[in-house]
Amino acid sequence: MAFGNEWLFRDLIARTERAVESVAHLAVDSQITFKIDDIVDAVERALPTSYPAPANG
């Protein structure tokens, strides 16, 4: 991985960890089963608009 993208990688990991924790708390509190898509959705909604556009490949 290029050094310039390391901040992006670390930020996405941190956002994913927070989303997993949040969804897990909701699952325990509400007794509702969640899917991986719910975590992905939570991370995507929290992304700032300044993130680079996704690229193919």
C-alpha atoms as a PDB file:
ATOM      1  CA  MET A   1       0.000   0.000   0.000  1.00  0.00           C
ATOM      2  CA  ALA A   2       1.306   3.425  -0.847  1.00  0.00           C
ATOM      3  CA  PHE A   3       2.191   5.631   2.108  1.00  0.00           C
ATOM      4  CA  GLY A   4      -0.067   8.411   0.830  1.00  0.00           C
ATOM      5  CA  ASN A   5      -3.123   6.182   1.171  1.00  0.00           C
ATOM      6  CA  GLU A   6      -2.289   4.969   4.664  1.00  0.00           C
ATOM      7  CA  TRP A   7      -4.420   7.698   6.275  1.00  0.00           C
ATOM      8  CA  LEU A   8      -7.404   6.570   4.198  1.00  0.00           C
ATOM      9  CA  PHE A   9      -6.904   2.947   5.193  1.00  0.00           C
ATOM     10  CA  ARG A  10      -6.582   3.779   8.886  1.00  0.00           C
ATOM     11  CA  ASP A  11      -9.591   6.095   8.789  1.00  0.00           C
ATOM     12  CA  LEU A  12     -11.796   3.475   7.102  1.00  0.00           C
ATOM     13  CA  ILE A  13     -10.742   0.849   9.650  1.00  0.00           C
ATOM     14  CA  ALA A  14     -11.583   3.198  12.531  1.00  0.00           C
ATOM     15  CA  ARG A  15     -14.954   4.081  10.984  1.00  0.00           C
ATOM     16  CA  THR A  16     -15.723   0.405  10.466  1.00  0.00           C
ATOM     17  CA  GLU A  17     -14.834  -0.410  14.066  1.00  0.00           C
ATOM     18  CA  ARG A  18     -17.159   2.336  15.328  1.00  0.00           C
ATOM     19  CA  ALA A  19     -19.967   1.151  13.033  1.00  0.00           C
ATOM     20  CA  VAL A  20     -19.592  -2.464  14.203  1.00  0.00           C
ATOM     21  CA  GLU A  21     -19.737  -1.353  17.828  1.00  0.00           C
ATOM     22  CA  SER A  22     -22.776   0.826  17.194  1.00  0.00           C
ATOM     23  CA  VAL A  23     -24.669  -1.874  15.291  1.00  0.00           C
ATOM     24  CA  ALA A  24     -23.746  -4.474  17.919  1.00  0.00           C
ATOM     25  CA  HIS A  25     -25.148  -2.260  20.693  1.00  0.00           C
ATOM     26  CA  LEU A  26     -28.340  -1.750  18.709  1.00  0.00           C
ATOM     27  CA  ALA A  27     -28.639  -5.497  18.150  1.00  0.00           C
ATOM     28  CA  VAL A  28     -28.297  -6.231  21.863  1.00  0.00           C
ATOM     29  CA  ASP A  29     -30.651  -3.437  22.912  1.00  0.00           C
ATOM     30  CA  SER A  30     -33.356  -4.145  20.334  1.00  0.00           C
ATOM     31  CA  GLN A  31     -32.937  -7.927  19.966  1.00  0.00           C
ATOM     32  CA  ILE A  32     -32.965  -7.409  16.194  1.00  0.00           C
ATOM     33  CA  THR A  33     -30.512  -9.287  14.005  1.00  0.00           C
ATOM     34  CA  PHE A  34     -28.390  -7.121  11.730  1.00  0.00           C
ATOM     35  CA  LYS A  35     -26.459  -7.977   8.585  1.00  0.00           C
ATOM     36  CA  ILE A  36     -23.051  -6.953   7.258  1.00  0.00           C
ATOM     37  CA  ASP A  37     -24.882  -4.647   4.834  1.00  0.00           C
ATOM     38  CA  ASP A  38     -26.089  -2.630   7.836  1.00  0.00           C
ATOM     39  CA  ILE A  39     -22.504  -2.035   8.916  1.00  0.00           C
ATOM     40  CA  VAL A  40     -21.451  -1.092   5.381  1.00  0.00           C
ATOM     41  CA  ASP A  41     -24.385   1.318   5.213  1.00  0.00           C
ATOM     42  CA  ALA A  42     -23.412   2.918   8.536  1.00  0.00           C
ATOM     43  CA  VAL A  43     -19.827   3.434   7.372  1.00  0.00           C
ATOM     44  CA  GLU A  44     -20.894   4.857   4.007  1.00  0.00           C
ATOM     45  CA  ARG A  45     -23.337   7.311   5.605  1.00  0.00           C
ATOM     46  CA  ALA A  46     -20.578   8.584   7.915  1.00  0.00           C
ATOM     47  CA  LEU A  47     -18.033   9.196   5.139  1.00  0.00           C
ATOM     48  CA  PRO A  48     -17.199  12.836   4.545  1.00  0.00           C
ATOM     49  CA  THR A  49     -17.727  14.237   1.078  1.00  0.00           C
ATOM     50  CA  SER A  50     -14.006  15.037   0.900  1.00  0.00           C
ATOM     51  CA  TYR A  51     -13.092  11.358   0.516  1.00  0.00           C
ATOM     52  CA  PRO A  52     -11.600  10.403  -2.846  1.00  0.00           C
ATOM     53  CA  ALA A  53     -14.007   8.914  -5.365  1.00  0.00           C
ATOM     54  CA  PRO A  54     -13.917   5.117  -5.605  1.00  0.00           C
ATOM     55  CA  ALA A  55     -11.880   3.645  -8.424  1.00  0.00           C
ATOM     56  CA  ASN A  56     -12.251   0.394 -10.303  1.00  0.00           C
ATOM     57  CA  GLY A  57      -9.553  -2.184  -9.904  1.00  0.00           C
END
